[in-house]
Amino acid sequence: MSKVMVSLPDNLLQQIDDEARKRSTSRSALITAAARRELARDDPEVRADRDANRRGDVDPHVIDLTSAAIVDWGPADDWADWADATK
C-alpha cells in the first residue's frame, strides 16, 4: 500500500479526526472510504462528457478553436514530422 502526503486545512483535518474517532476507525480508512465514494459517484457533468465522446459529438467551440489553430500553422513547407503526430 502506498503512503502519500496531502495538505488539508486544519479545520478539515480536525473534522476528519473527530469523525474517525466516532466511527472507531483510522484517519486513513475514513479518507480512503471517502475517496472511493467520490470516485464511484455518478457526476452528471462527467457522464455527459463521456456520453458525448461515445456518440462522437463534438463541442462546436472546440471545432472553432481547432480551426483557428490550423489557420495559424501557416504553409505546409515541411511535413517530415507529421508521422510523429499520431504517436
PDB file of N, CA and C in Angstrom:
ATOM      1  N   MET A   1       0.846  -1.171   0.000  1.00  0.00           N
ATOM      2  CA  MET A   1       0.000   0.000   0.000  1.00  0.00           C
ATOM      3  C   MET A   1       0.896   1.241   0.000  1.00  0.00           C
ATOM      4  N   SER A   2       0.549   2.202  -0.818  1.00  0.00           N
ATOM      5  CA  SER A   2       1.327   3.442  -0.916  1.00  0.00           C
ATOM      6  C   SER A   2       0.955   4.413   0.191  1.00  0.00           C
ATOM      7  N   LYS A   3       1.912   5.231   0.565  1.00  0.00           N
ATOM      8  CA  LYS A   3       1.669   6.309   1.513  1.00  0.00           C
ATOM      9  C   LYS A   3       1.841   7.620   0.758  1.00  0.00           C
ATOM     10  N   VAL A   4       0.964   8.570   1.048  1.00  0.00           N
ATOM     11  CA  VAL A   4       1.027   9.868   0.379  1.00  0.00           C
ATOM     12  C   VAL A   4       0.958  10.977   1.418  1.00  0.00           C
ATOM     13  N   MET A   5       1.425  12.130   1.015  1.00  0.00           N
ATOM     14  CA  MET A   5       1.289  13.317   1.853  1.00  0.00           C
ATOM     15  C   MET A   5       0.328  14.258   1.152  1.00  0.00           C
ATOM     16  N   VAL A   6      -0.664  14.745   1.873  1.00  0.00           N
ATOM     17  CA  VAL A   6      -1.603  15.710   1.316  1.00  0.00           C
ATOM     18  C   VAL A   6      -1.696  16.900   2.265  1.00  0.00           C
ATOM     19  N   SER A   7      -2.033  18.030   1.720  1.00  0.00           N
ATOM     20  CA  SER A   7      -2.239  19.226   2.536  1.00  0.00           C
ATOM     21  C   SER A   7      -3.731  19.443   2.705  1.00  0.00           C
ATOM     22  N   LEU A   8      -4.152  19.597   3.946  1.00  0.00           N
ATOM     23  CA  LEU A   8      -5.558  19.835   4.268  1.00  0.00           C
ATOM     24  C   LEU A   8      -5.650  21.025   5.206  1.00  0.00           C
ATOM     25  N   PRO A   9      -6.713  21.791   5.096  1.00  0.00           N
ATOM     26  CA  PRO A   9      -6.909  22.860   6.080  1.00  0.00           C
ATOM     27  C   PRO A   9      -7.022  22.251   7.480  1.00  0.00           C
ATOM     28  N   ASP A  10      -6.521  22.963   8.456  1.00  0.00           N
ATOM     29  CA  ASP A  10      -6.523  22.455   9.835  1.00  0.00           C
ATOM     30  C   ASP A  10      -7.914  22.054  10.300  1.00  0.00           C
ATOM     31  N   ASN A  11      -8.908  22.884   9.991  1.00  0.00           N
ATOM     32  CA  ASN A  11     -10.260  22.577  10.461  1.00  0.00           C
ATOM     33  C   ASN A  11     -10.828  21.316   9.792  1.00  0.00           C
ATOM     34  N   LEU A  12     -10.469  21.067   8.540  1.00  0.00           N
ATOM     35  CA  LEU A  12     -10.928  19.854   7.868  1.00  0.00           C
ATOM     36  C   LEU A  12     -10.269  18.623   8.479  1.00  0.00           C
ATOM     37  N   LEU A  13      -8.982  18.715   8.753  1.00  0.00           N
ATOM     38  CA  LEU A  13      -8.286  17.599   9.378  1.00  0.00           C
ATOM     39  C   LEU A  13      -8.889  17.298  10.746  1.00  0.00           C
ATOM     40  N   GLN A  14      -9.253  18.324  11.489  1.00  0.00           N
ATOM     41  CA  GLN A  14      -9.882  18.122  12.795  1.00  0.00           C
ATOM     42  C   GLN A  14     -11.224  17.401  12.643  1.00  0.00           C
ATOM     43  N   GLN A  15     -11.998  17.802  11.632  1.00  0.00           N
ATOM     44  CA  GLN A  15     -13.293  17.137  11.379  1.00  0.00           C
ATOM     45  C   GLN A  15     -13.081  15.670  11.004  1.00  0.00           C
ATOM     46  N   ILE A  16     -12.066  15.411  10.181  1.00  0.00           N
ATOM     47  CA  ILE A  16     -11.758  14.031   9.783  1.00  0.00           C
ATOM     48  C   ILE A  16     -11.369  13.212  11.004  1.00  0.00           C
ATOM     49  N   ASP A  17     -10.501  13.761  11.835  1.00  0.00           N
ATOM     50  CA  ASP A  17     -10.065  13.044  13.039  1.00  0.00           C
ATOM     51  C   ASP A  17     -11.232  12.798  13.992  1.00  0.00           C
ATOM     52  N   ASP A  18     -12.083  13.796  14.172  1.00  0.00           N
ATOM     53  CA  ASP A  18     -13.255  13.636  15.044  1.00  0.00           C
ATOM     54  C   ASP A  18     -14.174  12.535  14.526  1.00  0.00           C
ATOM     55  N   GLU A  19     -14.420  12.550  13.211  1.00  0.00           N
ATOM     56  CA  GLU A  19     -15.313  11.551  12.614  1.00  0.00           C
ATOM     57  C   GLU A  19     -14.696  10.156  12.684  1.00  0.00           C
ATOM     58  N   ALA A  20     -13.401  10.059  12.437  1.00  0.00           N
ATOM     59  CA  ALA A  20     -12.733   8.758  12.527  1.00  0.00           C
ATOM     60  C   ALA A  20     -12.844   8.206  13.951  1.00  0.00           C
ATOM     61  N   ARG A  21     -12.674   9.060  14.940  1.00  0.00           N
ATOM     62  CA  ARG A  21     -12.785   8.640  16.335  1.00  0.00           C
ATOM     63  C   ARG A  21     -14.201   8.152  16.641  1.00  0.00           C
ATOM     64  N   LYS A  22     -15.221   8.896  16.151  1.00  0.00           N
ATOM     65  CA  LYS A  22     -16.624   8.493  16.370  1.00  0.00           C
ATOM     66  C   LYS A  22     -16.911   7.132  15.760  1.00  0.00           C
ATOM     67  N   ARG A  23     -16.288   6.857  14.621  1.00  0.00           N
ATOM     68  CA  ARG A  23     -16.527   5.592  13.910  1.00  0.00           C
ATOM     69  C   ARG A  23     -15.566   4.484  14.335  1.00  0.00           C
ATOM     70  N   SER A  24     -14.707   4.803  15.270  1.00  0.00           N
ATOM     71  CA  SER A  24     -13.691   3.842  15.739  1.00  0.00           C
ATOM     72  C   SER A  24     -12.872   3.291  14.583  1.00  0.00           C
ATOM     73  N   THR A  25     -12.410   4.197  13.761  1.00  0.00           N
ATOM     74  CA  THR A  25     -11.592   3.820  12.612  1.00  0.00           C
ATOM     75  C   THR A  25     -10.402   4.761  12.521  1.00  0.00           C
ATOM     76  N   SER A  26      -9.558   4.538  11.579  1.00  0.00           N
ATOM     77  CA  SER A  26      -8.386   5.402  11.413  1.00  0.00           C
ATOM     78  C   SER A  26      -8.685   6.541  10.441  1.00  0.00           C
ATOM     79  N   ARG A  27      -7.861   7.543  10.518  1.00  0.00           N
ATOM     80  CA  ARG A  27      -7.934   8.656   9.572  1.00  0.00           C
ATOM     81  C   ARG A  27      -7.781   8.134   8.144  1.00  0.00           C
ATOM     82  N   SER A  28      -6.805   7.257   7.928  1.00  0.00           N
ATOM     83  CA  SER A  28      -6.566   6.714   6.587  1.00  0.00           C
ATOM     84  C   SER A  28      -7.773   5.949   6.058  1.00  0.00           C
ATOM     85  N   ALA A  29      -8.387   5.142   6.924  1.00  0.00           N
ATOM     86  CA  ALA A  29      -9.551   4.365   6.492  1.00  0.00           C
ATOM     87  C   ALA A  29     -10.716   5.281   6.119  1.00  0.00           C
ATOM     88  N   LEU A  30     -10.918   6.340   6.893  1.00  0.00           N
ATOM     89  CA  LEU A  30     -12.008   7.271   6.603  1.00  0.00           C
ATOM     90  C   LEU A  30     -11.760   8.001   5.282  1.00  0.00           C
ATOM     91  N   ILE A  31     -10.542   8.478   5.078  1.00  0.00           N
ATOM     92  CA  ILE A  31     -10.218   9.195   3.839  1.00  0.00           C
ATOM     93  C   ILE A  31     -10.281   8.246   2.643  1.00  0.00           C
ATOM     94  N   THR A  32      -9.835   7.008   2.812  1.00  0.00           N
ATOM     95  CA  THR A  32      -9.916   6.019   1.736  1.00  0.00           C
ATOM     96  C   THR A  32     -11.368   5.774   1.339  1.00  0.00           C
ATOM     97  N   ALA A  33     -12.240   5.594   2.328  1.00  0.00           N
ATOM     98  CA  ALA A  33     -13.669   5.358   2.044  1.00  0.00           C
ATOM     99  C   ALA A  33     -14.285   6.560   1.337  1.00  0.00           C
ATOM    100  N   ALA A  34     -13.931   7.766   1.785  1.00  0.00           N
ATOM    101  CA  ALA A  34     -14.472   8.976   1.161  1.00  0.00           C
ATOM    102  C   ALA A  34     -13.992   9.111  -0.288  1.00  0.00           C
ATOM    103  N   ALA A  35     -12.726   8.802  -0.530  1.00  0.00           N
ATOM    104  CA  ALA A  35     -12.185   8.882  -1.894  1.00  0.00           C
ATOM    105  C   ALA A  35     -12.875   7.861  -2.796  1.00  0.00           C
ATOM    106  N   ARG A  36     -13.080   6.653  -2.293  1.00  0.00           N
ATOM    107  CA  ARG A  36     -13.770   5.628  -3.100  1.00  0.00           C
ATOM    108  C   ARG A  36     -15.192   6.043  -3.435  1.00  0.00           C
ATOM    109  N   ARG A  37     -15.897   6.603  -2.450  1.00  0.00           N
ATOM    110  CA  ARG A  37     -17.270   7.076  -2.710  1.00  0.00           C
ATOM    111  C   ARG A  37     -17.275   8.172  -3.768  1.00  0.00           C
ATOM    112  N   GLU A  38     -16.345   9.101  -3.661  1.00  0.00           N
ATOM    113  CA  GLU A  38     -16.282  10.213  -4.621  1.00  0.00           C
ATOM    114  C   GLU A  38     -15.977   9.709  -6.020  1.00  0.00           C
ATOM    115  N   LEU A  39     -15.058   8.770  -6.130  1.00  0.00           N
ATOM    116  CA  LEU A  39     -14.693   8.240  -7.444  1.00  0.00           C
ATOM    117  C   LEU A  39     -15.816   7.408  -8.058  1.00  0.00           C
ATOM    118  N   ALA A  40     -16.641   6.801  -7.235  1.00  0.00           N
ATOM    119  CA  ALA A  40     -17.756   5.980  -7.736  1.00  0.00           C
ATOM    120  C   ALA A  40     -19.005   6.813  -8.014  1.00  0.00           C
ATOM    121  N   ARG A  41     -19.015   8.047  -7.542  1.00  0.00           N
ATOM    122  CA  ARG A  41     -20.187   8.918  -7.676  1.00  0.00           C
ATOM    123  C   ARG A  41     -20.488   9.172  -9.145  1.00  0.00           C
ATOM    124  N   ASP A  42     -21.759   9.166  -9.470  1.00  0.00           N
ATOM    125  CA  ASP A  42     -22.189   9.420 -10.842  1.00  0.00           C
ATOM    126  C   ASP A  42     -22.365  10.921 -11.031  1.00  0.00           C
ATOM    127  N   ASP A  43     -21.337  11.574 -11.519  1.00  0.00           N
ATOM    128  CA  ASP A  43     -21.347  13.020 -11.730  1.00  0.00           C
ATOM    129  C   ASP A  43     -22.003  13.309 -13.076  1.00  0.00           C
ATOM    130  N   PRO A  44     -23.121  14.052 -13.097  1.00  0.00           N
ATOM    131  CA  PRO A  44     -23.825  14.319 -14.361  1.00  0.00           C
ATOM    132  C   PRO A  44     -22.954  14.989 -15.416  1.00  0.00           C
ATOM    133  N   GLU A  45     -22.064  15.875 -15.006  1.00  0.00           N
ATOM    134  CA  GLU A  45     -21.200  16.570 -15.963  1.00  0.00           C
ATOM    135  C   GLU A  45     -20.201  15.594 -16.588  1.00  0.00           C
ATOM    136  N   VAL A  46     -19.627  14.748 -15.759  1.00  0.00           N
ATOM    137  CA  VAL A  46     -18.687  13.746 -16.268  1.00  0.00           C
ATOM    138  C   VAL A  46     -19.418  12.765 -17.181  1.00  0.00           C
ATOM    139  N   ARG A  47     -20.625  12.352 -16.775  1.00  0.00           N
ATOM    140  CA  ARG A  47     -21.414  11.427 -17.586  1.00  0.00           C
ATOM    141  C   ARG A  47     -21.752  12.041 -18.937  1.00  0.00           C
ATOM    142  N   ALA A  48     -22.117  13.312 -18.969  1.00  0.00           N
ATOM    143  CA  ALA A  48     -22.463  13.980 -20.229  1.00  0.00           C
ATOM    144  C   ALA A  48     -21.259  14.020 -21.165  1.00  0.00           C
ATOM    145  N   ASP A  49     -20.076  14.336 -20.621  1.00  0.00           N
ATOM    146  CA  ASP A  49     -18.862  14.351 -21.445  1.00  0.00           C
ATOM    147  C   ASP A  49     -18.554  12.959 -21.983  1.00  0.00           C
ATOM    148  N   ARG A  50     -18.679  11.951 -21.119  1.00  0.00           N
ATOM    149  CA  ARG A  50     -18.391  10.573 -21.526  1.00  0.00           C
ATOM    150  C   ARG A  50     -19.356  10.129 -22.623  1.00  0.00           C
ATOM    151  N   ASP A  51     -20.652  10.443 -22.441  1.00  0.00           N
ATOM    152  CA  ASP A  51     -21.650  10.046 -23.432  1.00  0.00           C
ATOM    153  C   ASP A  51     -21.435  10.766 -24.758  1.00  0.00           C
ATOM    154  N   ALA A  52     -21.067  12.026 -24.707  1.00  0.00           N
ATOM    155  CA  ALA A  52     -20.801  12.778 -25.935  1.00  0.00           C
ATOM    156  C   ALA A  52     -19.622  12.175 -26.681  1.00  0.00           C
ATOM    157  N   ASN A  53     -18.597  11.777 -25.945  1.00  0.00           N
ATOM    158  CA  ASN A  53     -17.436  11.152 -26.579  1.00  0.00           C
ATOM    159  C   ASN A  53     -17.821   9.824 -27.222  1.00  0.00           C
ATOM    160  N   ARG A  54     -18.675   9.051 -26.568  1.00  0.00           N
ATOM    161  CA  ARG A  54     -19.100   7.763 -27.131  1.00  0.00           C
ATOM    162  C   ARG A  54     -19.908   7.951 -28.416  1.00  0.00           C
ATOM    163  N   ARG A  55     -20.741   8.990 -28.436  1.00  0.00           N
ATOM    164  CA  ARG A  55     -21.562   9.251 -29.628  1.00  0.00           C
ATOM    165  C   ARG A  55     -20.765   9.913 -30.739  1.00  0.00           C
ATOM    166  N   GLY A  56     -19.617  10.452 -30.393  1.00  0.00           N
ATOM    167  CA  GLY A  56     -18.812  11.157 -31.378  1.00  0.00           C
ATOM    168  C   GLY A  56     -19.215  12.616 -31.514  1.00  0.00           C
ATOM    169  N   ASP A  57     -20.039  13.099 -30.576  1.00  0.00           N
ATOM    170  CA  ASP A  57     -20.423  14.513 -30.605  1.00  0.00           C
ATOM    171  C   ASP A  57     -19.185  15.360 -30.382  1.00  0.00           C
ATOM    172  N   VAL A  58     -19.158  16.503 -31.000  1.00  0.00           N
ATOM    173  CA  VAL A  58     -18.029  17.409 -30.844  1.00  0.00           C
ATOM    174  C   VAL A  58     -18.565  18.755 -30.407  1.00  0.00           C
ATOM    175  N   ASP A  59     -17.938  19.315 -29.414  1.00  0.00           N
ATOM    176  CA  ASP A  59     -18.294  20.642 -28.934  1.00  0.00           C
ATOM    177  C   ASP A  59     -17.953  21.652 -30.030  1.00  0.00           C
ATOM    178  N   PRO A  60     -18.922  22.470 -30.487  1.00  0.00           N
ATOM    179  CA  PRO A  60     -18.643  23.429 -31.560  1.00  0.00           C
ATOM    180  C   PRO A  60     -17.543  24.416 -31.210  1.00  0.00           C
ATOM    181  N   HIS A  61     -17.364  24.715 -29.922  1.00  0.00           N
ATOM    182  CA  HIS A  61     -16.298  25.629 -29.527  1.00  0.00           C
ATOM    183  C   HIS A  61     -14.931  25.000 -29.788  1.00  0.00           C
ATOM    184  N   VAL A  62     -14.845  23.702 -29.605  1.00  0.00           N
ATOM    185  CA  VAL A  62     -13.582  23.008 -29.859  1.00  0.00           C
ATOM    186  C   VAL A  62     -13.254  23.083 -31.343  1.00  0.00           C
ATOM    187  N   ILE A  63     -14.252  22.915 -32.189  1.00  0.00           N
ATOM    188  CA  ILE A  63     -14.032  22.995 -33.634  1.00  0.00           C
ATOM    189  C   ILE A  63     -13.524  24.382 -34.003  1.00  0.00           C
ATOM    190  N   ASP A  64     -14.156  25.422 -33.459  1.00  0.00           N
ATOM    191  CA  ASP A  64     -13.725  26.779 -33.766  1.00  0.00           C
ATOM    192  C   ASP A  64     -12.280  27.012 -33.345  1.00  0.00           C
ATOM    193  N   LEU A  65     -11.930  26.565 -32.142  1.00  0.00           N
ATOM    194  CA  LEU A  65     -10.558  26.759 -31.666  1.00  0.00           C
ATOM    195  C   LEU A  65      -9.572  25.963 -32.510  1.00  0.00           C
ATOM    196  N   THR A  66      -9.953  24.753 -32.871  1.00  0.00           N
ATOM    197  CA  THR A  66      -9.067  23.920 -33.676  1.00  0.00           C
ATOM    198  C   THR A  66      -8.869  24.530 -35.051  1.00  0.00           C
ATOM    199  N   SER A  67      -9.937  24.988 -35.661  1.00  0.00           N
ATOM    200  CA  SER A  67      -9.832  25.603 -36.981  1.00  0.00           C
ATOM    201  C   SER A  67      -8.937  26.831 -36.940  1.00  0.00           C
ATOM    202  N   ALA A  68      -9.086  27.624 -35.898  1.00  0.00           N
ATOM    203  CA  ALA A  68      -8.258  28.826 -35.775  1.00  0.00           C
ATOM    204  C   ALA A  68      -6.796  28.441 -35.616  1.00  0.00           C
ATOM    205  N   ALA A  69      -6.542  27.391 -34.857  1.00  0.00           N
ATOM    206  CA  ALA A  69      -5.161  26.955 -34.662  1.00  0.00           C
ATOM    207  C   ALA A  69      -4.560  26.448 -35.961  1.00  0.00           C
ATOM    208  N   ILE A  70      -5.338  25.741 -36.758  1.00  0.00           N
ATOM    209  CA  ILE A  70      -4.843  25.222 -38.030  1.00  0.00           C
ATOM    210  C   ILE A  70      -4.488  26.373 -38.971  1.00  0.00           C
ATOM    211  N   VAL A  71      -5.313  27.396 -39.014  1.00  0.00           N
ATOM    212  CA  VAL A  71      -5.052  28.548 -39.870  1.00  0.00           C
ATOM    213  C   VAL A  71      -3.724  29.194 -39.480  1.00  0.00           C
ATOM    214  N   ASP A  72      -3.422  29.202 -38.182  1.00  0.00           N
ATOM    215  CA  ASP A  72      -2.186  29.822 -37.700  1.00  0.00           C
ATOM    216  C   ASP A  72      -0.936  29.005 -38.007  1.00  0.00           C
ATOM    217  N   TRP A  73      -1.100  27.768 -38.450  1.00  0.00           N
ATOM    218  CA  TRP A  73       0.061  26.943 -38.744  1.00  0.00           C
ATOM    219  C   TRP A  73       0.885  27.496 -39.905  1.00  0.00           C
ATOM    220  N   GLY A  74       0.239  28.160 -40.821  1.00  0.00           N
ATOM    221  CA  GLY A  74       0.944  28.703 -41.974  1.00  0.00           C
ATOM    222  C   GLY A  74       1.114  27.645 -43.055  1.00  0.00           C
ATOM    223  N   PRO A  75       1.951  27.929 -44.033  1.00  0.00           N
ATOM    224  CA  PRO A  75       2.115  26.988 -45.150  1.00  0.00           C
ATOM    225  C   PRO A  75       2.779  25.695 -44.709  1.00  0.00           C
ATOM    226  N   ALA A  76       2.431  24.639 -45.418  1.00  0.00           N
ATOM    227  CA  ALA A  76       2.971  23.316 -45.098  1.00  0.00           C
ATOM    228  C   ALA A  76       4.259  23.100 -45.871  1.00  0.00           C
ATOM    229  N   ASP A  77       5.331  23.729 -45.412  1.00  0.00           N
ATOM    230  CA  ASP A  77       6.614  23.597 -46.095  1.00  0.00           C
ATOM    231  C   ASP A  77       7.282  22.256 -45.819  1.00  0.00           C
ATOM    232  N   ASP A  78       7.178  21.812 -44.565  1.00  0.00           N
ATOM    233  CA  ASP A  78       7.886  20.590 -44.202  1.00  0.00           C
ATOM    234  C   ASP A  78       6.962  19.689 -43.387  1.00  0.00           C
ATOM    235  N   TRP A  79       6.571  18.572 -43.952  1.00  0.00           N
ATOM    236  CA  TRP A  79       5.672  17.631 -43.287  1.00  0.00           C
ATOM    237  C   TRP A  79       6.448  16.412 -42.797  1.00  0.00           C
ATOM    238  N   ALA A  80       7.754  16.503 -42.678  1.00  0.00           N
ATOM    239  CA  ALA A  80       8.586  15.359 -42.305  1.00  0.00           C
ATOM    240  C   ALA A  80       8.215  14.805 -40.935  1.00  0.00           C
ATOM    241  N   ASP A  81       7.791  15.656 -40.001  1.00  0.00           N
ATOM    242  CA  ASP A  81       7.480  15.164 -38.666  1.00  0.00           C
ATOM    243  C   ASP A  81       6.002  14.832 -38.500  1.00  0.00           C
ATOM    244  N   TRP A  82       5.218  14.847 -39.548  1.00  0.00           N
ATOM    245  CA  TRP A  82       3.789  14.611 -39.457  1.00  0.00           C
ATOM    246  C   TRP A  82       3.473  13.223 -38.929  1.00  0.00           C
ATOM    247  N   ALA A  83       4.273  12.237 -39.264  1.00  0.00           N
ATOM    248  CA  ALA A  83       4.042  10.869 -38.793  1.00  0.00           C
ATOM    249  C   ALA A  83       4.110  10.795 -37.266  1.00  0.00           C
ATOM    250  N   ASP A  84       4.901  11.670 -36.634  1.00  0.00           N
ATOM    251  CA  ASP A  84       5.015  11.671 -35.176  1.00  0.00           C
ATOM    252  C   ASP A  84       3.732  12.145 -34.486  1.00  0.00           C
ATOM    253  N   ALA A  85       2.866  12.813 -35.200  1.00  0.00           N
ATOM    254  CA  ALA A  85       1.647  13.364 -34.605  1.00  0.00           C
ATOM    255  C   ALA A  85       0.688  12.270 -34.142  1.00  0.00           C
ATOM    256  N   THR A  86       0.805  11.085 -34.688  1.00  0.00           N
ATOM    257  CA  THR A  86      -0.112  10.008 -34.314  1.00  0.00           C
ATOM    258  C   THR A  86       0.440   9.145 -33.189  1.00  0.00           C
ATOM    259  N   LYS A  87       1.635   9.438 -32.736  1.00  0.00           N
ATOM    260  CA  LYS A  87       2.249   8.612 -31.664  1.00  0.00           C
ATOM    261  C   LYS A  87       1.909   9.151 -30.317  1.00  0.00           C
TER     262      LYS A  87
END
